């Protein structure tokens, strides 16, 4: 898999510094699992960040700080941000990427999809401390209502594909969007498009019907 769209550099830098909200970090981790280019950029960011820490004065971190963090994260059953090229685990047909399974479950067919509109369903992740994380499944040839974003949206394509004013997004691609972007994704024919998306503020829909229903779905 060779993604053509990636997280913006500030997003990767924030991830390297541990400054991303959990929902956004989950999307970045899933992208890193399939993108060698971003793993290399992250390794560079880690080296730069480590160098800057060495130059700063102050109390040194304890030798076991990394292990303490690892223990806390593993106790929650959530994946650690990869610092090296991960050993790719084979994902069986119909299964979610392994790094997203702690948030949603193992198989798409076992999820409790809720209808958002004709041909559009979603599943919201539980137990996310910061930000909102959801899966969105859109039938082939359908369009998501035109919208902008009240804050930031980070979306990773898992299956299928869609097109919008920005370009064509296929599995592994990431759309890193802010409040300046207005778009209307339209899924391509063939198979449903399944994405995982992180947001930190409600979407802003252009159509009156979508705005009317938005409080019901809390999007």
N, C-alpha and C. Protein backbone atom coordinates (compact mmCIF):
# COMPACT_ATOMS: atom_id res chain seq x y z
N UNK A 1 0.85 -1.19 0.00
CA UNK A 1 0.00 0.00 0.00
C UNK A 1 0.89 1.24 0.00
N UNK A 2 0.64 2.14 -0.95
CA UNK A 2 1.41 3.37 -1.05
C UNK A 2 0.46 4.57 -1.03
N UNK A 3 0.13 5.07 0.16
CA UNK A 3 -0.81 6.19 0.25
C UNK A 3 -0.30 7.42 -0.49
N UNK A 4 -1.24 8.18 -1.04
CA UNK A 4 -0.91 9.43 -1.73
C UNK A 4 -1.22 10.67 -0.91
N UNK A 5 -2.03 10.51 0.14
CA UNK A 5 -2.37 11.63 1.01
C UNK A 5 -1.96 11.27 2.44
N UNK A 6 -1.33 12.23 3.13
CA UNK A 6 -0.73 11.95 4.43
C UNK A 6 -1.13 13.02 5.45
N UNK A 7 -0.94 12.74 6.74
CA UNK A 7 -1.12 13.79 7.74
C UNK A 7 -0.18 14.96 7.46
N UNK A 8 -0.63 16.18 7.77
CA UNK A 8 0.25 17.34 7.61
C UNK A 8 1.44 17.22 8.55
N UNK A 9 2.53 17.91 8.19
CA UNK A 9 3.73 17.87 9.03
C UNK A 9 3.46 18.30 10.47
N UNK A 10 2.69 19.38 10.72
CA UNK A 10 2.40 19.75 12.12
C UNK A 10 1.69 18.64 12.89
N UNK A 11 0.86 17.85 12.19
CA UNK A 11 0.17 16.75 12.86
C UNK A 11 1.16 15.68 13.29
N UNK A 12 2.10 15.33 12.42
CA UNK A 12 3.11 14.34 12.79
C UNK A 12 4.03 14.85 13.89
N UNK A 13 4.36 16.14 13.84
CA UNK A 13 5.21 16.71 14.89
C UNK A 13 4.49 16.68 16.24
N UNK A 14 3.20 17.02 16.23
CA UNK A 14 2.43 16.98 17.47
C UNK A 14 2.33 15.55 17.99
N UNK A 15 2.18 14.59 17.08
CA UNK A 15 2.13 13.18 17.48
C UNK A 15 3.46 12.76 18.11
N UNK A 16 4.55 13.17 17.49
CA UNK A 16 5.87 12.83 18.02
C UNK A 16 6.08 13.40 19.41
N UNK A 17 5.54 14.60 19.64
CA UNK A 17 5.70 15.26 20.94
C UNK A 17 4.70 14.77 21.98
N UNK A 18 3.79 13.88 21.57
CA UNK A 18 2.78 13.39 22.49
C UNK A 18 1.69 14.41 22.77
N UNK A 19 1.50 15.37 21.83
CA UNK A 19 0.56 16.46 22.05
C UNK A 19 -0.77 16.27 21.33
N UNK A 20 -0.95 15.16 20.60
CA UNK A 20 -2.21 14.93 19.90
C UNK A 20 -3.24 14.32 20.84
N UNK A 21 -4.50 14.76 20.71
CA UNK A 21 -5.58 14.11 21.45
C UNK A 21 -5.67 12.64 21.06
N UNK A 22 -6.19 11.84 21.96
CA UNK A 22 -6.20 10.38 21.74
C UNK A 22 -6.88 9.98 20.44
N UNK A 23 -8.03 10.61 20.12
CA UNK A 23 -8.75 10.24 18.90
C UNK A 23 -7.89 10.46 17.67
N UNK A 24 -7.18 11.59 17.61
CA UNK A 24 -6.33 11.88 16.46
C UNK A 24 -5.11 10.96 16.43
N UNK A 25 -4.55 10.67 17.59
CA UNK A 25 -3.41 9.77 17.65
C UNK A 25 -3.78 8.38 17.14
N UNK A 26 -5.01 7.94 17.42
CA UNK A 26 -5.45 6.62 16.95
C UNK A 26 -5.47 6.56 15.43
N UNK A 27 -5.91 7.65 14.78
CA UNK A 27 -5.94 7.69 13.31
C UNK A 27 -4.51 7.71 12.76
N UNK A 28 -3.64 8.49 13.38
CA UNK A 28 -2.25 8.56 12.93
C UNK A 28 -1.57 7.20 13.05
N UNK A 29 -1.79 6.52 14.16
CA UNK A 29 -1.18 5.20 14.37
C UNK A 29 -1.62 4.23 13.28
N UNK A 30 -2.91 4.23 12.95
CA UNK A 30 -3.41 3.33 11.92
C UNK A 30 -2.79 3.65 10.56
N UNK A 31 -2.57 4.94 10.28
CA UNK A 31 -1.93 5.33 9.02
C UNK A 31 -0.45 4.91 9.02
N UNK A 32 0.23 5.10 10.13
CA UNK A 32 1.64 4.73 10.20
C UNK A 32 1.84 3.24 9.94
N UNK A 33 0.86 2.45 10.29
CA UNK A 33 0.98 1.01 10.11
C UNK A 33 1.06 0.61 8.64
N UNK A 34 0.61 1.50 7.73
CA UNK A 34 0.62 1.17 6.31
C UNK A 34 1.45 2.15 5.47
N UNK A 35 2.11 3.13 6.11
CA UNK A 35 2.80 4.17 5.36
C UNK A 35 4.26 4.30 5.79
N UNK A 36 5.17 3.77 4.97
CA UNK A 36 6.60 3.85 5.28
C UNK A 36 7.09 5.29 5.24
N UNK A 37 6.55 6.10 4.34
CA UNK A 37 7.00 7.49 4.23
C UNK A 37 6.76 8.25 5.53
N UNK A 38 5.60 8.09 6.13
CA UNK A 38 5.31 8.80 7.38
C UNK A 38 6.07 8.21 8.56
N UNK A 39 6.35 6.90 8.52
CA UNK A 39 7.18 6.33 9.58
C UNK A 39 8.57 6.95 9.56
N UNK A 40 9.10 7.19 8.36
CA UNK A 40 10.42 7.83 8.26
C UNK A 40 10.36 9.27 8.76
N UNK A 41 9.30 10.00 8.42
CA UNK A 41 9.17 11.37 8.90
C UNK A 41 9.02 11.41 10.42
N UNK A 42 8.29 10.44 10.97
CA UNK A 42 8.14 10.39 12.41
C UNK A 42 9.46 10.10 13.10
N UNK A 43 10.25 9.19 12.53
CA UNK A 43 11.56 8.89 13.11
C UNK A 43 12.44 10.13 13.13
N UNK A 44 12.39 10.92 12.06
CA UNK A 44 13.16 12.17 12.01
C UNK A 44 12.66 13.14 13.07
N UNK A 45 11.35 13.27 13.21
CA UNK A 45 10.78 14.17 14.22
C UNK A 45 11.19 13.72 15.63
N UNK A 46 11.22 12.41 15.85
CA UNK A 46 11.64 11.89 17.15
C UNK A 46 13.09 12.27 17.46
N UNK A 47 13.95 12.14 16.44
CA UNK A 47 15.36 12.47 16.65
C UNK A 47 15.53 13.95 16.95
N UNK A 48 14.81 14.79 16.21
CA UNK A 48 14.91 16.24 16.44
C UNK A 48 14.39 16.59 17.83
N UNK A 49 13.25 15.99 18.19
CA UNK A 49 12.70 16.25 19.51
C UNK A 49 13.61 15.79 20.63
N UNK A 50 14.24 14.63 20.45
CA UNK A 50 15.18 14.14 21.45
C UNK A 50 16.37 15.06 21.60
N UNK A 51 16.86 15.58 20.47
CA UNK A 51 18.00 16.50 20.52
C UNK A 51 17.63 17.77 21.27
N UNK A 52 16.43 18.29 21.03
CA UNK A 52 16.00 19.51 21.71
C UNK A 52 15.86 19.29 23.21
N UNK A 53 15.37 18.11 23.60
CA UNK A 53 15.24 17.81 25.02
C UNK A 53 16.60 17.78 25.70
N UNK A 54 17.57 17.22 25.01
CA UNK A 54 18.92 17.16 25.58
C UNK A 54 19.46 18.55 25.82
N UNK A 55 19.12 19.51 24.94
CA UNK A 55 19.63 20.86 25.05
C UNK A 55 18.96 21.67 26.16
N UNK A 56 17.78 21.22 26.60
CA UNK A 56 17.05 21.97 27.62
C UNK A 56 17.60 21.66 29.00
N UNK A 57 17.59 22.69 29.86
CA UNK A 57 17.98 22.50 31.24
C UNK A 57 16.77 22.07 32.04
N UNK A 58 17.01 21.41 33.15
CA UNK A 58 15.90 20.97 33.99
C UNK A 58 16.15 19.58 34.51
N UNK A 59 15.23 19.10 35.29
CA UNK A 59 15.38 17.78 35.89
C UNK A 59 15.27 16.71 34.82
N UNK A 60 16.19 15.76 34.77
CA UNK A 60 16.12 14.71 33.76
C UNK A 60 14.96 13.77 34.03
N UNK A 61 14.45 13.17 32.95
CA UNK A 61 13.41 12.18 33.10
C UNK A 61 13.99 10.92 33.74
N UNK A 62 13.22 10.23 34.55
CA UNK A 62 13.72 8.96 35.10
C UNK A 62 13.99 7.95 34.00
N UNK A 63 14.92 7.06 34.27
CA UNK A 63 15.30 6.07 33.25
C UNK A 63 14.13 5.19 32.83
N UNK A 64 13.19 4.97 33.74
CA UNK A 64 12.09 4.07 33.43
C UNK A 64 10.83 4.81 33.00
N UNK A 65 10.96 6.09 32.57
CA UNK A 65 9.78 6.88 32.19
C UNK A 65 9.04 6.24 31.03
N UNK A 66 9.79 5.78 30.03
CA UNK A 66 9.16 5.16 28.85
C UNK A 66 8.41 3.89 29.25
N UNK A 67 9.00 3.09 30.14
CA UNK A 67 8.36 1.86 30.55
C UNK A 67 7.13 2.13 31.40
N UNK A 68 7.18 3.21 32.20
CA UNK A 68 5.99 3.56 32.98
C UNK A 68 4.84 3.93 32.05
N UNK A 69 5.15 4.70 31.00
CA UNK A 69 4.13 5.06 30.03
C UNK A 69 3.59 3.83 29.34
N UNK A 70 4.49 2.93 28.94
CA UNK A 70 4.07 1.69 28.27
C UNK A 70 3.11 0.89 29.15
N UNK A 71 3.43 0.78 30.43
CA UNK A 71 2.59 0.01 31.34
C UNK A 71 1.21 0.62 31.47
N UNK A 72 1.14 1.96 31.56
CA UNK A 72 -0.16 2.62 31.69
C UNK A 72 -1.00 2.41 30.44
N UNK A 73 -0.38 2.52 29.26
CA UNK A 73 -1.14 2.39 28.02
C UNK A 73 -1.60 0.96 27.81
N UNK A 74 -0.72 0.00 28.04
CA UNK A 74 -1.08 -1.39 27.84
C UNK A 74 -2.18 -1.82 28.82
N UNK A 75 -2.19 -1.21 30.01
CA UNK A 75 -3.22 -1.53 30.99
C UNK A 75 -4.60 -1.14 30.49
N UNK A 76 -4.65 -0.14 29.59
CA UNK A 76 -5.92 0.30 29.01
C UNK A 76 -6.28 -0.50 27.76
N UNK A 77 -5.37 -1.37 27.30
CA UNK A 77 -5.65 -2.16 26.11
C UNK A 77 -5.55 -1.36 24.82
N UNK A 78 -4.80 -0.27 24.84
CA UNK A 78 -4.70 0.59 23.66
C UNK A 78 -3.27 0.56 23.11
N UNK A 79 -3.10 0.75 21.80
CA UNK A 79 -1.79 0.59 21.18
C UNK A 79 -0.87 1.76 21.47
N UNK A 80 0.41 1.48 21.61
CA UNK A 80 1.42 2.52 21.74
C UNK A 80 1.78 3.09 20.38
N UNK A 81 2.09 4.37 20.29
CA UNK A 81 2.58 4.92 19.02
C UNK A 81 3.84 4.18 18.58
N UNK A 82 3.90 3.69 17.34
CA UNK A 82 5.08 2.96 16.89
C UNK A 82 6.26 3.88 16.70
N UNK A 83 7.42 3.46 17.10
CA UNK A 83 8.63 4.24 16.93
C UNK A 83 9.56 3.61 15.91
N UNK A 84 9.25 2.40 15.50
CA UNK A 84 10.00 1.74 14.45
C UNK A 84 9.00 1.15 13.47
N UNK A 85 9.51 0.69 12.34
CA UNK A 85 8.60 0.05 11.38
C UNK A 85 7.95 -1.15 12.03
N UNK A 86 6.62 -1.15 12.18
CA UNK A 86 5.98 -2.27 12.87
C UNK A 86 5.99 -3.54 12.04
N UNK A 87 5.97 -4.66 12.75
CA UNK A 87 5.82 -5.93 12.06
C UNK A 87 4.37 -6.05 11.65
N UNK A 88 4.10 -5.99 10.36
CA UNK A 88 2.73 -5.97 9.86
C UNK A 88 2.04 -7.30 10.15
N UNK A 89 0.97 -7.21 10.91
CA UNK A 89 0.17 -8.41 11.16
C UNK A 89 -0.82 -8.57 10.02
N UNK A 90 -1.00 -9.81 9.57
CA UNK A 90 -1.97 -10.07 8.52
C UNK A 90 -3.38 -9.87 9.07
N UNK A 91 -4.17 -9.06 8.36
CA UNK A 91 -5.54 -8.79 8.77
C UNK A 91 -6.46 -9.59 7.86
N UNK A 92 -7.28 -10.44 8.45
CA UNK A 92 -8.18 -11.27 7.66
C UNK A 92 -9.27 -10.40 7.03
N UNK A 93 -9.85 -10.91 5.96
CA UNK A 93 -10.92 -10.17 5.29
C UNK A 93 -12.06 -9.91 6.27
N UNK A 94 -12.54 -8.67 6.26
CA UNK A 94 -13.64 -8.30 7.15
C UNK A 94 -13.22 -7.84 8.51
N UNK A 95 -11.91 -7.81 8.78
CA UNK A 95 -11.43 -7.37 10.09
C UNK A 95 -10.93 -5.93 10.04
N UNK A 96 -11.06 -5.23 11.15
CA UNK A 96 -10.51 -3.88 11.28
C UNK A 96 -9.00 -3.96 11.43
N UNK A 97 -8.29 -2.87 11.09
CA UNK A 97 -6.86 -2.83 11.39
C UNK A 97 -6.62 -3.10 12.87
N UNK A 98 -5.57 -3.79 13.17
CA UNK A 98 -5.32 -4.24 14.55
C UNK A 98 -5.24 -3.08 15.53
N UNK A 99 -4.72 -1.92 15.10
CA UNK A 99 -4.57 -0.80 16.02
C UNK A 99 -5.90 -0.12 16.35
N UNK A 100 -6.94 -0.38 15.55
CA UNK A 100 -8.25 0.19 15.83
C UNK A 100 -9.17 -0.76 16.57
N UNK A 101 -8.79 -2.02 16.66
CA UNK A 101 -9.65 -3.01 17.31
C UNK A 101 -9.92 -2.70 18.79
N UNK A 102 -8.96 -2.14 19.55
CA UNK A 102 -9.29 -1.80 20.94
C UNK A 102 -10.41 -0.78 21.07
N UNK A 103 -10.64 0.01 20.04
CA UNK A 103 -11.67 1.05 20.09
C UNK A 103 -13.02 0.58 19.58
N UNK A 104 -13.03 -0.34 18.60
CA UNK A 104 -14.28 -0.71 17.94
C UNK A 104 -14.61 -2.19 18.02
N UNK A 105 -13.62 -3.04 18.05
CA UNK A 105 -13.85 -4.47 17.95
C UNK A 105 -13.09 -5.05 16.78
N UNK A 106 -13.23 -6.34 16.56
CA UNK A 106 -12.39 -7.03 15.58
C UNK A 106 -12.97 -7.02 14.17
N UNK A 107 -14.28 -7.25 14.04
CA UNK A 107 -14.87 -7.44 12.71
C UNK A 107 -15.92 -6.37 12.41
N UNK A 108 -15.91 -5.90 11.16
CA UNK A 108 -16.89 -4.90 10.75
C UNK A 108 -18.32 -5.42 10.90
N UNK A 109 -18.52 -6.70 10.58
CA UNK A 109 -19.87 -7.27 10.59
C UNK A 109 -20.46 -7.34 12.00
N UNK A 110 -19.60 -7.32 13.02
CA UNK A 110 -20.08 -7.42 14.40
C UNK A 110 -20.40 -6.06 15.02
N UNK A 111 -20.10 -4.99 14.30
CA UNK A 111 -20.32 -3.65 14.85
C UNK A 111 -21.80 -3.28 14.80
N UNK A 112 -22.21 -2.42 15.71
CA UNK A 112 -23.59 -1.95 15.76
C UNK A 112 -23.67 -0.63 15.00
N UNK A 113 -23.81 -0.75 13.68
CA UNK A 113 -23.85 0.43 12.82
C UNK A 113 -25.18 1.17 13.02
N UNK A 114 -25.10 2.49 13.15
CA UNK A 114 -26.29 3.33 13.28
C UNK A 114 -26.47 4.14 12.00
N UNK A 115 -27.72 4.29 11.58
CA UNK A 115 -27.97 5.03 10.35
C UNK A 115 -27.81 6.53 10.58
N UNK A 116 -27.08 7.16 9.67
CA UNK A 116 -26.92 8.61 9.67
C UNK A 116 -27.77 9.24 8.57
N UNK A 117 -27.97 8.49 7.49
CA UNK A 117 -28.76 8.93 6.36
C UNK A 117 -28.85 7.78 5.38
N UNK A 118 -29.58 7.93 4.27
CA UNK A 118 -29.67 6.85 3.28
C UNK A 118 -28.30 6.39 2.80
N UNK A 119 -27.96 5.13 3.07
CA UNK A 119 -26.68 4.58 2.64
C UNK A 119 -25.49 5.01 3.48
N UNK A 120 -25.73 5.70 4.59
CA UNK A 120 -24.63 6.19 5.43
C UNK A 120 -24.85 5.71 6.86
N UNK A 121 -23.87 5.02 7.42
CA UNK A 121 -23.94 4.49 8.78
C UNK A 121 -22.66 4.84 9.54
N UNK A 122 -22.76 4.83 10.86
CA UNK A 122 -21.58 5.15 11.66
C UNK A 122 -21.56 4.37 12.95
N UNK A 123 -20.37 4.28 13.54
CA UNK A 123 -20.16 3.68 14.86
C UNK A 123 -19.23 4.62 15.63
N UNK A 124 -19.65 5.02 16.80
CA UNK A 124 -18.83 5.90 17.62
C UNK A 124 -18.01 5.07 18.60
N UNK A 125 -16.72 5.39 18.72
CA UNK A 125 -15.85 4.67 19.65
C UNK A 125 -16.16 5.10 21.09
N UNK A 126 -16.16 4.14 21.98
CA UNK A 126 -16.34 4.44 23.39
C UNK A 126 -14.98 4.54 24.08
N UNK A 127 -14.97 5.18 25.22
CA UNK A 127 -13.78 5.23 26.07
C UNK A 127 -12.61 5.94 25.39
N UNK A 128 -12.90 7.04 24.68
CA UNK A 128 -11.84 7.88 24.12
C UNK A 128 -11.74 9.11 25.01
N UNK A 129 -10.57 9.33 25.59
CA UNK A 129 -10.42 10.39 26.58
C UNK A 129 -10.44 11.79 25.97
N UNK A 130 -9.87 11.94 24.77
CA UNK A 130 -9.78 13.25 24.16
C UNK A 130 -10.20 13.18 22.70
N UNK A 131 -11.12 14.07 22.28
CA UNK A 131 -11.60 14.08 20.91
C UNK A 131 -12.69 13.05 20.69
N UNK A 132 -13.21 13.01 19.47
CA UNK A 132 -14.26 12.07 19.09
C UNK A 132 -13.74 11.18 17.96
N UNK A 133 -13.99 9.89 18.08
CA UNK A 133 -13.49 8.92 17.10
C UNK A 133 -14.66 8.08 16.61
N UNK A 134 -14.79 7.94 15.28
CA UNK A 134 -15.90 7.15 14.74
C UNK A 134 -15.50 6.47 13.45
N UNK A 135 -16.23 5.40 13.14
CA UNK A 135 -16.18 4.77 11.83
C UNK A 135 -17.37 5.27 11.03
N UNK A 136 -17.15 5.53 9.76
CA UNK A 136 -18.21 5.98 8.86
C UNK A 136 -18.23 5.07 7.64
N UNK A 137 -19.38 4.48 7.35
CA UNK A 137 -19.53 3.59 6.19
C UNK A 137 -20.56 4.19 5.23
N UNK A 138 -20.12 4.44 4.00
CA UNK A 138 -20.98 5.07 3.00
C UNK A 138 -21.11 4.16 1.79
N UNK A 139 -22.32 3.92 1.35
CA UNK A 139 -22.57 3.03 0.22
C UNK A 139 -21.96 3.60 -1.06
N UNK A 140 -21.64 2.73 -2.04
CA UNK A 140 -21.05 3.21 -3.30
C UNK A 140 -21.96 4.23 -3.98
N UNK A 141 -21.35 5.26 -4.52
CA UNK A 141 -22.09 6.27 -5.26
C UNK A 141 -22.87 7.25 -4.42
N UNK A 142 -22.74 7.19 -3.11
CA UNK A 142 -23.43 8.13 -2.22
C UNK A 142 -22.51 9.31 -1.89
N UNK A 143 -23.13 10.39 -1.45
CA UNK A 143 -22.36 11.56 -1.05
C UNK A 143 -22.70 11.93 0.38
N UNK A 144 -21.69 12.36 1.12
CA UNK A 144 -21.88 12.91 2.46
C UNK A 144 -22.31 14.37 2.29
N UNK A 145 -23.23 14.88 3.09
CA UNK A 145 -23.66 16.27 2.93
C UNK A 145 -22.49 17.25 2.95
N UNK A 146 -22.61 18.32 2.16
CA UNK A 146 -21.58 19.36 2.13
C UNK A 146 -21.38 19.92 3.53
N UNK A 147 -20.10 20.05 3.94
CA UNK A 147 -19.83 20.55 5.28
C UNK A 147 -18.43 21.13 5.39
N UNK A 148 -18.26 21.95 6.40
CA UNK A 148 -16.95 22.39 6.86
C UNK A 148 -16.77 21.82 8.27
N UNK A 149 -15.76 22.31 8.97
CA UNK A 149 -15.43 21.74 10.27
C UNK A 149 -15.30 22.84 11.32
N UNK A 150 -15.92 22.59 12.48
CA UNK A 150 -15.79 23.55 13.56
C UNK A 150 -14.40 23.59 14.14
N UNK A 151 -13.65 22.54 13.93
CA UNK A 151 -12.28 22.47 14.40
C UNK A 151 -11.43 21.71 13.39
N UNK A 152 -10.86 20.59 13.81
CA UNK A 152 -10.00 19.78 12.96
C UNK A 152 -10.63 18.41 12.74
N UNK A 153 -10.43 17.88 11.54
CA UNK A 153 -10.89 16.52 11.23
C UNK A 153 -9.74 15.76 10.59
N UNK A 154 -9.49 14.56 11.08
CA UNK A 154 -8.46 13.69 10.51
C UNK A 154 -9.12 12.37 10.15
N UNK A 155 -9.13 12.05 8.85
CA UNK A 155 -9.86 10.88 8.35
C UNK A 155 -8.92 9.95 7.60
N UNK A 156 -8.99 8.66 7.90
CA UNK A 156 -8.21 7.63 7.22
C UNK A 156 -9.15 6.70 6.49
N UNK A 157 -8.88 6.46 5.20
CA UNK A 157 -9.68 5.54 4.41
C UNK A 157 -9.23 4.11 4.70
N UNK A 158 -10.18 3.25 5.08
CA UNK A 158 -9.88 1.85 5.38
C UNK A 158 -10.27 0.93 4.23
N UNK A 159 -11.41 1.17 3.62
CA UNK A 159 -11.88 0.37 2.48
C UNK A 159 -12.60 1.29 1.50
N UNK A 160 -12.63 0.88 0.22
CA UNK A 160 -13.31 1.68 -0.78
C UNK A 160 -12.55 2.96 -1.07
N UNK A 161 -13.26 3.97 -1.57
CA UNK A 161 -12.62 5.24 -1.93
C UNK A 161 -13.69 6.31 -2.10
N UNK A 162 -13.25 7.55 -2.07
CA UNK A 162 -14.16 8.66 -2.38
C UNK A 162 -13.38 9.77 -3.08
N UNK A 163 -14.15 10.65 -3.70
CA UNK A 163 -13.59 11.84 -4.34
C UNK A 163 -14.27 13.07 -3.76
N UNK A 164 -13.51 14.16 -3.68
CA UNK A 164 -14.07 15.46 -3.34
C UNK A 164 -13.25 16.53 -4.04
N UNK A 165 -13.44 17.79 -3.65
CA UNK A 165 -12.73 18.88 -4.31
C UNK A 165 -11.23 18.80 -4.11
N UNK A 166 -10.80 18.06 -3.10
CA UNK A 166 -9.36 17.97 -2.80
C UNK A 166 -8.69 16.92 -3.68
N UNK A 167 -9.39 15.82 -3.96
CA UNK A 167 -8.79 14.77 -4.77
C UNK A 167 -9.45 13.42 -4.54
N UNK A 168 -8.72 12.37 -4.91
CA UNK A 168 -9.19 10.99 -4.80
C UNK A 168 -8.51 10.36 -3.59
N UNK A 169 -9.32 9.77 -2.70
CA UNK A 169 -8.80 9.18 -1.47
C UNK A 169 -9.13 7.69 -1.46
N UNK A 170 -8.08 6.86 -1.35
CA UNK A 170 -8.19 5.41 -1.39
C UNK A 170 -7.62 4.84 -0.08
N UNK A 171 -7.68 3.50 0.11
CA UNK A 171 -7.20 2.93 1.37
C UNK A 171 -5.78 3.37 1.72
N UNK A 172 -5.61 3.78 2.98
CA UNK A 172 -4.33 4.27 3.48
C UNK A 172 -4.20 5.77 3.42
N UNK A 173 -5.00 6.45 2.59
CA UNK A 173 -4.92 7.90 2.47
C UNK A 173 -5.55 8.58 3.68
N UNK A 174 -5.00 9.76 4.00
CA UNK A 174 -5.50 10.56 5.12
C UNK A 174 -5.91 11.93 4.62
N UNK A 175 -7.07 12.39 5.07
CA UNK A 175 -7.51 13.77 4.83
C UNK A 175 -7.33 14.53 6.14
N UNK A 176 -6.42 15.50 6.13
CA UNK A 176 -6.11 16.31 7.32
C UNK A 176 -6.73 17.69 7.08
N UNK A 177 -7.89 17.95 7.68
CA UNK A 177 -8.71 19.10 7.32
C UNK A 177 -8.94 20.02 8.52
N UNK A 178 -9.17 21.32 8.21
CA UNK A 178 -9.49 22.29 9.25
C UNK A 178 -10.73 23.08 8.85
N UNK A 179 -11.01 24.13 9.57
CA UNK A 179 -12.24 24.90 9.36
C UNK A 179 -12.25 25.66 8.05
N UNK A 180 -11.11 25.74 7.36
CA UNK A 180 -11.04 26.46 6.09
C UNK A 180 -11.53 25.62 4.91
N UNK A 181 -11.69 24.32 5.12
CA UNK A 181 -12.02 23.41 4.02
C UNK A 181 -13.51 23.09 4.04
N UNK A 182 -14.18 23.27 2.90
CA UNK A 182 -15.55 22.83 2.71
C UNK A 182 -15.54 21.76 1.62
N UNK A 183 -16.14 20.63 1.91
CA UNK A 183 -16.11 19.55 0.91
C UNK A 183 -17.33 18.66 1.03
N UNK A 184 -17.52 17.84 0.00
CA UNK A 184 -18.63 16.89 -0.06
C UNK A 184 -18.10 15.59 -0.66
N UNK A 185 -17.61 14.69 0.18
CA UNK A 185 -17.09 13.43 -0.33
C UNK A 185 -18.17 12.62 -1.05
N UNK A 186 -17.81 12.05 -2.20
CA UNK A 186 -18.70 11.19 -2.97
C UNK A 186 -17.99 9.86 -3.17
N UNK A 187 -18.58 8.77 -2.71
CA UNK A 187 -17.92 7.47 -2.81
C UNK A 187 -17.94 6.97 -4.24
N UNK A 188 -16.89 6.24 -4.60
CA UNK A 188 -16.78 5.72 -5.96
C UNK A 188 -17.58 4.42 -6.07
N UNK A 189 -17.97 4.01 -7.28
CA UNK A 189 -18.72 2.76 -7.44
C UNK A 189 -17.88 1.55 -7.02
N UNK A 190 -18.58 0.49 -6.68
CA UNK A 190 -17.89 -0.76 -6.35
C UNK A 190 -18.25 -1.25 -4.97
N UNK A 191 -17.51 -0.83 -3.97
CA UNK A 191 -17.72 -1.30 -2.60
C UNK A 191 -17.97 -0.10 -1.70
N UNK A 192 -18.59 -0.33 -0.53
CA UNK A 192 -18.78 0.77 0.41
C UNK A 192 -17.44 1.37 0.83
N UNK A 193 -17.46 2.66 1.12
CA UNK A 193 -16.27 3.34 1.62
C UNK A 193 -16.36 3.38 3.15
N UNK A 194 -15.35 2.83 3.80
CA UNK A 194 -15.29 2.83 5.26
C UNK A 194 -14.09 3.67 5.68
N UNK A 195 -14.34 4.65 6.55
CA UNK A 195 -13.29 5.55 7.03
C UNK A 195 -13.31 5.55 8.56
N UNK A 196 -12.18 5.89 9.16
CA UNK A 196 -12.14 6.20 10.58
C UNK A 196 -11.80 7.68 10.68
N UNK A 197 -12.56 8.42 11.47
CA UNK A 197 -12.40 9.87 11.53
C UNK A 197 -12.32 10.34 12.97
N UNK A 198 -11.43 11.30 13.20
CA UNK A 198 -11.30 11.96 14.50
C UNK A 198 -11.67 13.42 14.35
N UNK A 199 -12.43 13.95 15.28
CA UNK A 199 -12.81 15.35 15.27
C UNK A 199 -12.68 15.92 16.68
N UNK A 200 -12.56 17.24 16.76
CA UNK A 200 -12.51 17.89 18.07
C UNK A 200 -13.59 18.95 18.23
N UNK A 201 -14.49 19.04 17.24
CA UNK A 201 -15.61 19.99 17.29
C UNK A 201 -16.67 19.51 16.32
N UNK A 202 -17.93 19.92 16.49
CA UNK A 202 -18.99 19.49 15.58
C UNK A 202 -18.74 19.96 14.15
N UNK A 203 -19.22 19.15 13.18
CA UNK A 203 -19.17 19.55 11.78
C UNK A 203 -20.15 20.71 11.55
N UNK A 204 -19.94 21.42 10.44
CA UNK A 204 -20.83 22.51 10.07
C UNK A 204 -21.43 22.18 8.70
N UNK A 205 -22.67 21.72 8.70
CA UNK A 205 -23.32 21.31 7.45
C UNK A 205 -23.94 22.51 6.75
N UNK A 206 -23.91 22.46 5.43
CA UNK A 206 -24.47 23.54 4.63
C UNK A 206 -25.97 23.40 4.44
N UNK A 207 -26.47 22.17 4.28
CA UNK A 207 -27.89 21.95 4.03
C UNK A 207 -28.73 22.04 5.30
N UNK A 208 -29.96 22.53 5.17
CA UNK A 208 -30.82 22.72 6.34
C UNK A 208 -31.22 21.40 6.98
N UNK A 209 -31.43 20.35 6.17
CA UNK A 209 -31.83 19.07 6.73
C UNK A 209 -30.73 18.47 7.59
N UNK A 210 -29.49 18.53 7.09
CA UNK A 210 -28.37 18.00 7.87
C UNK A 210 -28.20 18.79 9.16
N UNK A 211 -28.37 20.11 9.09
CA UNK A 211 -28.25 20.93 10.30
C UNK A 211 -29.35 20.58 11.29
N UNK A 212 -30.55 20.29 10.78
CA UNK A 212 -31.66 19.95 11.65
C UNK A 212 -31.43 18.63 12.39
N UNK A 213 -30.84 17.66 11.69
CA UNK A 213 -30.63 16.34 12.30
C UNK A 213 -29.34 16.23 13.09
N UNK A 214 -28.45 17.20 12.94
CA UNK A 214 -27.13 17.10 13.57
C UNK A 214 -27.18 16.90 15.09
N UNK A 215 -28.03 17.62 15.84
CA UNK A 215 -28.06 17.39 17.29
C UNK A 215 -28.46 15.98 17.66
N UNK A 216 -29.27 15.34 16.82
CA UNK A 216 -29.70 13.96 17.11
C UNK A 216 -28.54 13.00 17.07
N UNK A 217 -27.63 13.19 16.08
CA UNK A 217 -26.51 12.26 15.91
C UNK A 217 -25.25 12.73 16.60
N UNK A 218 -25.25 13.97 17.11
CA UNK A 218 -24.09 14.51 17.86
C UNK A 218 -22.81 14.45 17.04
N UNK A 219 -22.89 14.93 15.80
CA UNK A 219 -21.73 14.94 14.91
C UNK A 219 -21.17 16.35 14.80
